Protein backbone atom coordinates (compact mmCIF):
# COMPACT_ATOMS: atom_id res chain seq x y z
CA MET A 1 -7.07 26.03 -11.37
CA ALA A 2 -5.23 24.96 -14.48
CA ARG A 3 -3.87 22.33 -12.40
CA PHE A 4 -7.15 20.79 -11.71
CA ILE A 5 -8.91 21.36 -15.27
CA LEU A 6 -5.67 19.61 -17.11
CA SER A 7 -6.26 16.95 -14.45
CA LEU A 8 -9.86 16.24 -15.74
CA MET A 9 -8.84 16.38 -18.84
CA GLU A 10 -6.04 13.55 -18.30
CA LEU A 11 -8.77 11.57 -16.45
CA GLY A 12 -10.88 11.58 -19.17
CA VAL A 13 -8.97 10.42 -22.06
CA SER A 14 -7.86 7.31 -19.63
CA ALA A 15 -11.47 6.80 -19.01
CA ALA A 16 -12.51 7.03 -22.95
CA VAL A 17 -9.65 5.19 -23.81
CA HIS A 18 -10.14 2.17 -20.92
CA LEU A 19 -13.86 2.33 -21.92
CA VAL A 20 -13.30 2.01 -26.04
CA PHE A 21 -10.52 -1.23 -24.84
CA GLY A 22 -12.88 -2.88 -22.63
CA PHE A 23 -16.00 -2.29 -25.10
CA TYR A 24 -13.43 -3.42 -28.32
CA VAL A 25 -12.24 -7.20 -25.77
CA PHE A 26 -16.04 -7.47 -24.80
CA SER A 27 -17.86 -6.82 -28.21
CA THR A 28 -15.24 -8.95 -30.15
CA ALA A 29 -16.55 -11.87 -27.73
CA VAL A 30 -19.71 -11.43 -28.43
CA ALA A 31 -19.52 -11.36 -31.99
CA ALA A 32 -17.55 -14.60 -32.08
CA ASP A 33 -20.41 -16.05 -30.11
CA ILE A 34 -22.82 -15.23 -31.64
CA SER A 35 -21.59 -16.28 -34.86
CA GLN A 36 -20.40 -19.81 -33.19
CA ALA A 37 -24.31 -19.67 -32.35
CA ALA A 38 -25.87 -18.66 -35.75
CA ALA A 39 -23.61 -21.55 -37.32
CA ALA A 40 -24.95 -23.99 -35.09
CA SER A 41 -28.49 -22.95 -35.96
CA GLY A 42 -27.62 -22.77 -39.04
CA CYS A 43 -26.78 -26.86 -39.15
CA LEU A 44 -29.91 -27.69 -37.64
CA LEU A 45 -31.65 -25.19 -40.37
CA LEU A 46 -33.14 -28.95 -42.29
CA ARG A 47 -33.58 -30.39 -39.48
CA ARG A 48 -36.20 -28.27 -37.51
CA PRO A 49 -38.03 -25.17 -37.30
CA PRO A 50 -35.15 -22.18 -36.83
CA PRO A 51 -36.27 -19.90 -33.66
CA ALA A 52 -37.45 -16.71 -33.82
CA PRO A 53 -34.31 -14.62 -33.82
CA ALA A 54 -32.63 -13.26 -30.50
CA THR A 55 -29.29 -12.27 -30.17
CA GLU A 56 -29.63 -12.08 -26.66
CA GLY A 57 -31.09 -15.55 -26.46
CA ALA A 58 -27.95 -16.64 -28.26
CA LEU A 59 -25.75 -14.81 -25.67
CA VAL A 60 -27.89 -16.05 -22.93
CA ASP A 61 -27.22 -19.72 -24.07
CA VAL A 62 -22.94 -18.98 -24.42
CA ALA A 63 -22.47 -17.13 -21.11
CA ALA A 64 -24.78 -20.20 -19.38
CA ALA A 65 -23.17 -23.13 -21.46
CA GLY A 66 -19.65 -21.55 -19.98
CA GLU A 67 -20.74 -21.19 -16.83
CA ARG A 68 -21.57 -24.22 -16.42
CA ASP A 69 -18.82 -25.46 -18.16
CA GLU A 70 -16.16 -24.00 -15.16
CA ARG A 71 -18.79 -23.81 -12.38
CA ARG A 72 -20.23 -27.58 -11.79
CA GLY A 73 -16.94 -29.23 -11.11
CA ASP A 74 -18.31 -32.47 -11.95
CA ALA A 75 -16.00 -32.16 -15.37
CA PRO A 76 -12.50 -31.60 -14.11
CA VAL A 77 -10.06 -31.18 -17.10
CA VAL A 78 -7.05 -33.16 -14.71
CA LEU A 79 -7.39 -36.56 -13.03
CA ASP A 80 -4.23 -38.42 -13.39
CA GLY A 81 -0.98 -37.33 -11.73
CA SER A 82 1.42 -37.53 -14.37
CA PRO A 83 3.41 -35.22 -16.17
CA PRO A 84 1.93 -31.93 -13.67
CA PRO A 85 -0.18 -29.95 -15.22
CA ILE A 86 0.82 -26.20 -16.35
CA VAL A 87 -1.59 -23.91 -15.01
CA LEU A 88 -2.18 -20.07 -16.17
CA VAL A 89 -3.67 -17.51 -13.87
CA HIS A 90 -5.18 -14.26 -15.40
CA GLY A 91 -4.20 -11.19 -14.03
CA ILE A 92 -5.84 -7.92 -13.30
CA PHE A 93 -9.28 -7.53 -15.34
CA GLY A 94 -8.58 -10.94 -16.32
CA PHE A 95 -10.74 -14.25 -17.36
CA GLY A 96 -10.38 -18.11 -17.05
CA LYS A 97 -11.57 -20.48 -19.24
CA GLY A 98 -15.91 -20.52 -19.29
CA ARG A 99 -15.95 -16.76 -19.73
CA LEU A 100 -16.32 -14.13 -22.35
CA GLY A 101 -17.10 -17.19 -24.42
CA GLY A 102 -14.39 -18.63 -26.54
CA LEU A 103 -11.97 -15.64 -26.14
CA SER A 104 -9.08 -16.88 -24.62
CA TYR A 105 -6.53 -14.68 -22.24
CA PHE A 106 -3.58 -16.62 -23.19
CA ALA A 107 -4.28 -15.90 -26.57
CA GLY A 108 -5.13 -19.65 -27.33
CA ALA A 109 -1.29 -20.78 -25.31
CA GLU A 110 -3.36 -23.34 -23.67
CA LYS A 111 -3.52 -25.16 -26.56
CA LYS A 112 0.32 -25.77 -26.88
CA ASP A 113 0.13 -28.63 -24.00
CA ASP A 114 -2.47 -31.06 -23.51
CA ARG A 115 -2.58 -30.64 -19.44
CA VAL A 116 -2.94 -26.94 -19.30
CA LEU A 117 -5.34 -25.63 -17.26
CA VAL A 118 -6.59 -21.78 -17.39
CA PRO A 119 -8.82 -20.94 -14.08
CA ASP A 120 -11.86 -18.60 -13.36
CA LEU A 121 -10.30 -16.21 -10.83
CA GLY A 122 -12.46 -12.72 -9.48
CA SER A 123 -10.57 -10.47 -12.06
CA LEU A 124 -10.51 -7.24 -8.91
CA THR A 125 -10.73 -8.86 -5.97
CA SER A 126 -7.72 -8.81 -3.68
CA ILE A 127 -4.39 -11.32 -4.05
CA HIS A 128 -5.26 -13.30 -0.55
CA ASP A 129 -9.26 -13.93 -2.13
CA ARG A 130 -7.76 -14.76 -5.50
CA ALA A 131 -5.17 -17.53 -3.65
CA ARG A 132 -7.97 -19.17 -1.90
CA GLU A 133 -10.25 -19.84 -5.13
CA LEU A 134 -6.77 -20.93 -7.07
CA PHE A 135 -5.97 -23.56 -4.53
CA TYR A 136 -10.30 -25.20 -4.33
CA TYR A 137 -10.15 -24.97 -7.94
CA LEU A 138 -7.36 -28.01 -8.29
CA LYS A 139 -8.09 -29.65 -5.82
CA GLY A 140 -11.82 -29.52 -5.11
CA GLY A 141 -14.12 -28.25 -2.15
CA GLN A 142 -15.64 -25.22 -1.03
CA VAL A 143 -13.68 -21.99 -1.50
CA ASP A 144 -12.94 -20.90 2.36
CA TYR A 145 -11.57 -17.14 2.75
CA GLY A 146 -10.69 -17.90 5.62
CA GLU A 147 -12.64 -16.89 8.83
CA ASP A 148 -10.54 -14.24 10.42
CA HIS A 149 -9.93 -12.91 6.86
CA SER A 150 -13.82 -13.13 6.23
CA LYS A 151 -14.23 -11.41 9.85
CA ALA A 152 -12.22 -8.39 9.58
CA CYS A 153 -13.26 -7.28 5.47
CA GLY A 154 -17.22 -8.07 6.14
CA HIS A 155 -17.85 -10.82 3.92
CA LYS A 156 -19.03 -14.59 3.48
CA ARG A 157 -16.30 -17.05 4.52
CA PHE A 158 -17.40 -19.69 1.68
CA GLY A 159 -17.89 -19.25 -1.54
CA ARG A 160 -18.17 -21.44 -5.04
CA ILE A 161 -18.25 -25.25 -4.68
CA TYR A 162 -16.54 -27.49 -6.96
CA GLU A 163 -17.72 -31.09 -6.72
CA THR A 164 -14.17 -32.40 -7.82
CA GLY A 165 -11.19 -30.57 -8.76
CA HIS A 166 -9.91 -30.10 -11.58
CA TYR A 167 -6.32 -32.00 -10.65
CA PRO A 168 -7.73 -33.54 -7.33
CA VAL A 169 -4.35 -35.48 -6.88
CA TRP A 170 -2.91 -32.85 -6.03
CA ASP A 171 0.16 -32.72 -3.45
CA GLU A 172 3.98 -33.08 -3.19
CA GLN A 173 3.94 -36.62 -5.23
CA ASN A 174 1.80 -34.72 -7.51
CA PRO A 175 2.66 -30.90 -7.58
CA VAL A 176 1.99 -28.19 -11.03
CA HIS A 177 3.58 -25.72 -12.66
CA PHE A 178 2.19 -22.40 -12.40
CA VAL A 179 2.64 -19.33 -14.66
CA GLY A 180 1.03 -16.00 -14.13
CA HIS A 181 0.67 -13.15 -15.75
CA SER A 182 0.70 -9.58 -13.76
CA ALA A 183 -1.12 -9.73 -10.64
CA GLY A 184 -1.60 -14.01 -11.32
CA ALA A 185 2.30 -14.23 -10.67
CA GLN A 186 1.65 -12.25 -6.89
CA VAL A 187 -1.51 -14.62 -6.77
CA VAL A 188 0.74 -17.90 -6.71
CA ARG A 189 3.30 -16.37 -4.51
CA VAL A 190 0.57 -15.87 -2.03
CA LEU A 191 -0.72 -19.20 -2.26
CA HIS A 192 2.49 -21.09 -2.22
CA GLN A 193 2.80 -19.34 0.93
CA MET A 194 -0.65 -20.33 2.30
CA LEU A 195 0.36 -24.25 1.06
CA ALA A 196 3.44 -24.00 3.40
CA ASP A 197 1.84 -22.51 6.40
CA LYS A 198 -0.40 -25.44 5.99
CA ALA A 199 -3.65 -22.66 5.79
CA PHE A 200 -5.88 -24.88 4.19
CA PRO A 201 -7.92 -26.74 6.84
CA GLY A 202 -8.28 -30.15 5.97
CA HIS A 203 -5.41 -30.62 4.00
CA ASP A 204 -1.89 -31.28 4.82
CA THR A 205 -0.27 -29.38 2.65
CA SER A 206 3.49 -28.38 1.86
CA GLU A 207 5.55 -25.99 -0.58
CA ASP A 208 6.59 -28.69 -2.30
CA TRP A 209 3.18 -28.96 -4.07
CA ILE A 210 4.25 -25.93 -6.62
CA LEU A 211 7.33 -27.44 -8.70
CA SER A 212 7.83 -23.87 -10.87
CA LEU A 213 6.60 -20.71 -10.96
CA THR A 214 7.00 -18.69 -14.65
CA SER A 215 6.01 -15.28 -13.78
CA LEU A 216 5.34 -13.08 -17.05
CA SER A 217 5.31 -9.28 -16.85
CA GLY A 218 4.93 -10.07 -12.66
CA ALA A 219 3.82 -7.49 -10.16
CA LEU A 220 6.34 -9.02 -8.25
CA ASN A 221 7.40 -5.51 -6.40
CA GLY A 222 4.09 -3.24 -7.08
CA THR A 223 3.82 -0.74 -9.56
CA THR A 224 3.75 3.40 -9.71
CA ARG A 225 0.60 3.20 -12.27
CA THR A 226 -1.51 2.76 -9.00
CA TYR A 227 -0.87 6.55 -8.34
CA TYR A 228 -1.41 7.49 -11.20
CA ASP A 229 -4.84 5.98 -11.51
CA GLY A 230 -5.98 7.04 -8.27
CA MET A 231 -4.11 5.57 -4.95
CA LEU A 232 -2.92 7.98 -2.33
CA VAL A 233 0.63 7.68 -2.73
CA GLU A 234 1.25 8.42 1.10
CA ASP A 235 -0.76 5.22 1.70
CA GLY A 236 -1.16 3.31 -0.90
CA LYS A 237 -4.95 2.07 0.71
CA SER A 238 -7.27 5.36 -0.09
CA MET A 239 -8.07 6.32 -2.99
CA LYS A 240 -8.39 10.41 -4.75
CA SER A 241 -11.49 12.05 -4.30
CA ILE A 242 -12.01 12.23 -9.06
CA CYS A 243 -9.60 9.53 -10.35
CA LEU A 244 -9.89 6.82 -12.58
CA LEU A 245 -10.28 4.17 -10.04
CA GLN A 246 -13.24 5.83 -8.86
CA LEU A 247 -14.96 5.94 -11.74
CA CYS A 248 -13.78 1.81 -11.94
CA ARG A 249 -15.46 1.54 -8.04
CA ILE A 250 -18.56 2.81 -9.49
CA GLY A 251 -19.17 0.71 -12.24
CA VAL A 252 -18.49 -2.19 -10.61
CA ILE A 253 -20.53 -1.69 -7.76
CA VAL A 254 -23.57 -1.12 -10.38
CA TYR A 255 -22.83 -3.95 -11.80
CA ASP A 256 -22.77 -6.49 -8.91
CA TRP A 257 -25.81 -4.79 -7.58
CA LEU A 258 -27.97 -5.00 -10.96
CA ASP A 259 -26.92 -8.54 -11.13
CA ILE A 260 -27.98 -9.49 -14.09
CA PRO A 261 -27.48 -13.24 -14.58
CA TRP A 262 -26.78 -13.88 -18.21
CA LEU A 263 -24.22 -10.44 -18.23
CA LYS A 264 -22.17 -12.06 -14.92
CA ASN A 265 -22.43 -15.45 -16.37
CA TYR A 266 -20.71 -13.92 -19.61
CA TYR A 267 -18.31 -11.90 -17.14
CA ASN A 268 -17.56 -11.40 -13.39
CA PHE A 269 -15.39 -8.96 -11.20
CA GLY A 270 -15.42 -11.58 -8.77
CA PHE A 271 -16.98 -9.99 -5.51
CA ASP A 272 -20.09 -12.47 -4.84
CA HIS A 273 -19.19 -13.62 -1.86
CA TYR A 274 -19.46 -9.79 -0.75
CA GLU A 275 -23.40 -9.99 -1.75
CA MET A 276 -23.60 -7.17 -3.63
CA SER A 277 -26.73 -7.94 -5.65
CA ARG A 278 -30.18 -5.96 -5.44
CA ARG A 279 -31.84 -8.79 -4.35
CA LYS A 280 -30.02 -9.06 -0.91
CA VAL A 281 -29.53 -5.22 0.30
CA GLY A 282 -32.01 -3.18 -1.78
CA PHE A 283 -31.62 0.14 -2.72
CA SER A 284 -30.50 1.41 0.48
CA GLY A 285 -27.76 -1.44 0.44
CA LEU A 286 -26.62 0.65 -3.28
CA ILE A 287 -26.51 3.70 -1.35
CA ASP A 288 -24.24 2.43 1.13
CA LEU A 289 -22.20 1.01 -1.30
CA LEU A 290 -21.14 4.08 -3.58
CA LEU A 291 -20.66 6.23 -0.18
CA GLY A 292 -17.97 3.71 0.75
CA TYR A 293 -19.69 2.27 4.14
CA THR A 294 -19.57 -1.11 3.26
CA GLY A 295 -18.52 -3.77 0.59
CA PRO A 296 -15.03 -4.52 -0.70
CA PHE A 297 -13.76 -1.10 -1.54
CA ALA A 298 -14.67 -0.03 1.96
CA SER A 299 -12.51 -2.65 3.42
CA GLY A 300 -9.68 -2.44 0.78
CA ASP A 301 -10.08 -6.06 0.09
CA TRP A 302 -9.52 -5.97 -3.50
CA ILE A 303 -6.52 -5.46 -5.72
CA LEU A 304 -5.40 -2.29 -6.34
CA PRO A 305 -4.08 -1.80 -2.87
CA ASP A 306 -1.92 -5.02 -3.13
CA LEU A 307 -0.13 -3.76 -6.58
CA THR A 308 0.74 -0.42 -4.85
CA ILE A 309 4.57 -0.58 -3.59
CA GLN A 310 3.29 -0.01 -0.12
CA GLY A 311 0.92 -3.47 -0.70
CA ALA A 312 3.81 -5.23 -2.50
CA ILE A 313 5.95 -4.38 0.40
CA LYS A 314 3.50 -6.27 3.02
CA LEU A 315 3.08 -9.03 0.99
CA ASN A 316 6.61 -9.93 0.21
CA SER A 317 7.75 -9.32 3.95
CA THR A 318 5.38 -12.70 4.24
CA LEU A 319 6.47 -14.80 1.04
CA LYS A 320 9.51 -17.19 1.01
CA THR A 321 11.78 -18.30 -2.53
CA PHE A 322 11.36 -22.09 -1.92
CA PRO A 323 14.52 -23.91 -2.23
CA ASN A 324 12.76 -26.82 -3.93
CA THR A 325 10.58 -24.84 -6.23
CA PHE A 326 12.67 -23.25 -9.73
CA TYR A 327 11.34 -19.71 -10.86
CA PHE A 328 11.54 -17.79 -14.57
CA SER A 329 10.57 -14.24 -14.58
CA TYR A 330 9.77 -12.42 -17.52
CA ALA A 331 10.36 -8.88 -17.02
CA THR A 332 8.78 -6.23 -20.41
CA LYS A 333 10.16 -2.92 -21.01
CA LYS A 334 8.86 -0.42 -23.81
CA THR A 335 10.85 2.36 -23.05
CA ARG A 336 14.50 3.56 -23.51
CA LYS A 337 17.09 6.08 -23.30
CA LEU A 338 17.23 9.42 -25.91
CA PHE A 339 19.30 12.16 -24.23
CA GLY A 340 19.20 10.95 -21.10
CA ILE A 341 15.32 11.09 -20.93
CA THR A 342 13.35 7.94 -20.62
CA VAL A 343 10.79 7.63 -23.22
CA PRO A 344 8.32 5.21 -25.17
CA SER A 345 10.95 3.11 -27.05
CA SER A 346 8.47 3.18 -30.18
CA VAL A 347 4.89 4.57 -31.02
CA LEU A 348 3.38 1.85 -33.24
CA GLY A 349 4.79 -0.56 -31.14
CA VAL A 350 3.06 0.06 -28.27
CA HIS A 351 -0.96 -1.12 -27.86
CA PRO A 352 -2.91 2.48 -28.41
CA MET A 353 -4.32 2.75 -24.95
CA LEU A 354 -0.83 2.04 -23.29
CA PHE A 355 0.75 4.58 -25.28
CA LEU A 356 0.32 7.33 -23.05
CA ARG A 357 0.32 4.93 -19.70
CA VAL A 358 4.32 4.36 -20.69
CA LEU A 359 4.69 7.81 -21.15
CA GLN A 360 3.15 8.88 -17.63
CA MET A 361 5.17 6.09 -16.19
CA CYS A 362 8.08 7.46 -17.27
CA MET A 363 7.27 11.20 -15.80
CA TRP A 364 6.96 9.86 -12.45
CA ARG A 365 8.54 11.19 -9.91
CA HIS A 366 7.48 10.68 -6.23
CA PRO A 367 6.08 14.07 -4.22
CA GLN A 368 8.49 15.06 -1.93
CA ASN A 369 5.88 15.89 0.88
CA ALA A 370 4.95 11.72 0.98
CA PRO A 371 7.18 9.07 2.82
CA LEU A 372 9.63 7.25 0.63
CA PRO A 373 7.82 3.66 0.13
CA TYR A 374 11.01 1.83 1.25
CA LYS A 375 14.36 2.99 2.53
CA GLY A 376 17.22 3.55 -1.11
CA TYR A 377 13.84 4.93 -3.29
CA ARG A 378 14.72 6.48 -6.16
CA ASP A 379 12.44 7.63 -9.09
CA GLU A 380 14.94 6.68 -11.55
CA ASP A 381 14.93 3.05 -10.72
CA TRP A 382 11.14 3.08 -11.76
CA GLU A 383 11.19 4.54 -14.89
CA ASP A 384 11.34 1.49 -17.37
CA ASN A 385 7.83 0.42 -17.92
CA ASP A 386 5.39 -1.85 -19.91
CA GLY A 387 2.49 0.83 -19.86
CA ALA A 388 1.58 -1.17 -16.58
CA LEU A 389 3.94 -2.42 -14.43
CA ASN A 390 7.35 -0.71 -13.62
CA THR A 391 10.15 -3.30 -15.06
CA ILE A 392 12.15 -3.15 -12.22
CA SER A 393 9.16 -4.41 -10.44
CA MET A 394 8.73 -7.76 -12.68
CA THR A 395 12.38 -8.96 -12.84
CA TYR A 396 12.56 -11.00 -8.88
CA PRO A 397 11.15 -10.17 -5.44
CA ARG A 398 13.37 -6.97 -4.44
CA ILE A 399 11.52 -5.25 -1.51
CA PRO A 400 11.70 -4.94 1.18
CA ILE A 401 14.83 -7.84 0.86
CA GLU A 402 16.11 -8.99 -2.35
CA HIS A 403 15.56 -13.19 -3.23
CA PRO A 404 18.45 -14.69 -4.90
CA HIS A 405 18.49 -14.30 -8.62
CA ARG A 406 20.74 -14.37 -11.67
CA PHE A 407 20.05 -12.38 -14.81
CA VAL A 408 19.41 -14.26 -17.89
CA VAL A 409 20.28 -12.97 -21.54
CA ASP A 410 19.29 -16.54 -23.42
CA ASP A 411 17.61 -19.40 -21.62
CA SER A 412 20.09 -21.89 -22.75
CA ASP A 413 22.52 -19.86 -19.99
CA CYS A 414 20.50 -20.99 -17.23
CA HIS A 415 20.52 -24.66 -17.83
CA PRO A 416 20.58 -26.94 -16.08
CA LEU A 417 18.12 -24.81 -13.81
CA GLN A 418 18.53 -24.59 -9.82
CA PRO A 419 16.11 -24.37 -7.89
CA GLY A 420 15.24 -21.33 -5.23
CA ILE A 421 16.50 -18.60 -7.74
CA TRP A 422 15.08 -16.54 -9.73
CA TYR A 423 16.56 -16.64 -13.33
CA TYR A 424 14.98 -13.61 -15.10
CA LYS A 425 15.17 -11.74 -18.59
CA ILE A 426 14.04 -8.43 -19.36
CA ILE A 427 12.26 -8.44 -23.18
CA GLU A 428 10.41 -5.67 -25.37
CA ALA A 429 6.78 -6.22 -25.20
CA ASP A 430 4.24 -3.66 -23.83
CA HIS A 431 2.05 -5.82 -20.71
CA ILE A 432 -0.65 -7.18 -23.01
CA LEU A 433 1.95 -8.51 -25.81
CA PHE A 434 1.30 -12.07 -25.43
CA ILE A 435 -2.36 -12.26 -24.04
CA VAL A 436 -5.92 -11.61 -25.69
CA ASN A 437 -4.81 -11.30 -29.30
CA ARG A 438 -2.19 -13.69 -30.82
CA GLU A 439 -1.41 -11.59 -34.23
CA ARG A 440 0.49 -8.95 -32.25
CA ALA A 441 2.88 -11.27 -31.08
CA GLY A 442 3.37 -12.77 -34.28
CA VAL A 443 6.60 -15.00 -34.31
CA GLN A 444 7.72 -14.08 -30.01
CA PHE A 445 4.27 -15.35 -29.42
CA ASP A 446 5.42 -19.11 -29.78
CA LEU A 447 8.81 -18.68 -29.01
CA LEU A 448 7.96 -17.01 -25.47
CA TYR A 449 5.46 -19.73 -24.69
CA ASP A 450 7.25 -22.54 -26.17
CA GLY A 451 9.99 -21.85 -24.41
CA ILE A 452 8.15 -21.60 -21.04
CA PHE A 453 6.17 -25.09 -21.68
CA GLN A 454 9.66 -26.93 -22.89
CA ARG A 455 11.23 -25.80 -19.36
CA CYS A 456 8.10 -27.30 -17.34
CA ARG A 457 8.37 -30.02 -19.33
CA LYS A 458 12.18 -30.84 -20.13
CA HIS A 459 14.15 -28.51 -17.46
CA ALA A 460 12.28 -28.61 -14.19
CA PHE A 461 11.82 -31.39 -12.29
CA ARG A 462 13.15 -32.79 -9.01
CA LYS A 463 13.98 -36.90 -9.73
CA SER A 464 14.15 -36.90 -13.15
CA PRO A 465 12.66 -35.71 -16.42
CA PRO A 466 8.97 -36.29 -17.11
CA THR A 467 7.24 -37.97 -19.94
CA VAL A 468 6.45 -35.11 -21.72
CA PRO A 469 2.65 -35.27 -23.34
CA ASN A 470 1.74 -34.91 -26.68
CA GLU A 471 2.38 -31.60 -28.33
CA THR A 472 0.58 -29.18 -30.33
CA SER A 473 2.06 -25.93 -32.28
CA GLN A 474 -1.10 -24.00 -32.71
């Protein structure tokens, strides 16, 4: 009984912290957009009578404008082929250009180069679905989730339409650089395998369409965090009856069922192809969704199962490291050893939302009555973490087999870069130090992204060094 009460208290604290942080991010974006709308209205004050004050109206306009810019597909950012664009791929609960108003998931890093794209993918959809969306975002056309996959998971086969892709010339001669944060790194790896397998009807793709992949705190081998949040350690697919992820599930279902247009334009979990709107399924459909009879949480076609260790092993067993692509990985950690025990490395240096999570992950112990996720698993290997992912998971693909890799202390140690090898380094940072809030990272932010962009522009090429576009120090 005491253990049950303790678990409920822990769930309450965790839910409250996540809710407060989510509200903080959302309200920050809303406040900035309302301020911009008010400023724009002020400029027109002498030209015409001001409209009746309507905070929601201003927000609706901003959200709708962002949605139009990102979804209409007729105004791609990049049209020509050289030099290759750098594509920044967000992680779980993330967002791309056109969502949350003017807020940047990558904290403005996209301004450091003239040819950077920031796609908006489903924030909670499966790795598979996000990879399919990413392809059509770049190449153009209607998103095709695949006939077999769509039937198996119970959703529409086709999604949004990009009348013109953001990089329509994408092919072997015009490859791209990818930078994936958190789950975004695994999305790129799955896309890469799909390109190699020619999995997009009507397109003659190959693995050479991707020039480089940089993994920033990438979920390359899963995370024990998923089990704390509610995934069952026994199978890595099901959820506990009472857990943080169940609260998340209910919130997402209600959000999508209500289907408030301006709010979904502002932020979207990405499940539109499941058609969970009240306009489609009615009240009875809501009950079925909540009871787990239908929807992405019933089929397991969402991102959390992909982020368990078991889910990562399943994905990794089909993914290759390709000989003509350059790989670099930044693994983050916010832990240290104290008298032989792994503990958070500091209190002030960890984001308030993540401190408890860092501590919990240090203490993770695989249940003795549950089968080990892979042969040779040891709890101590998974203790170091950044509050969301285990450091061992972020280094390079390790399970079920290790891919070619090389540890790097200084970036200059790996020049000239060799393709087909995962260069990785470990840096002191929590999971969200280099996203959303630029001020938290300070000078580290510029050092990190300048290094990534410079590597893409000057050190990752197949034939000759590309022409470097105009760069700005933002």
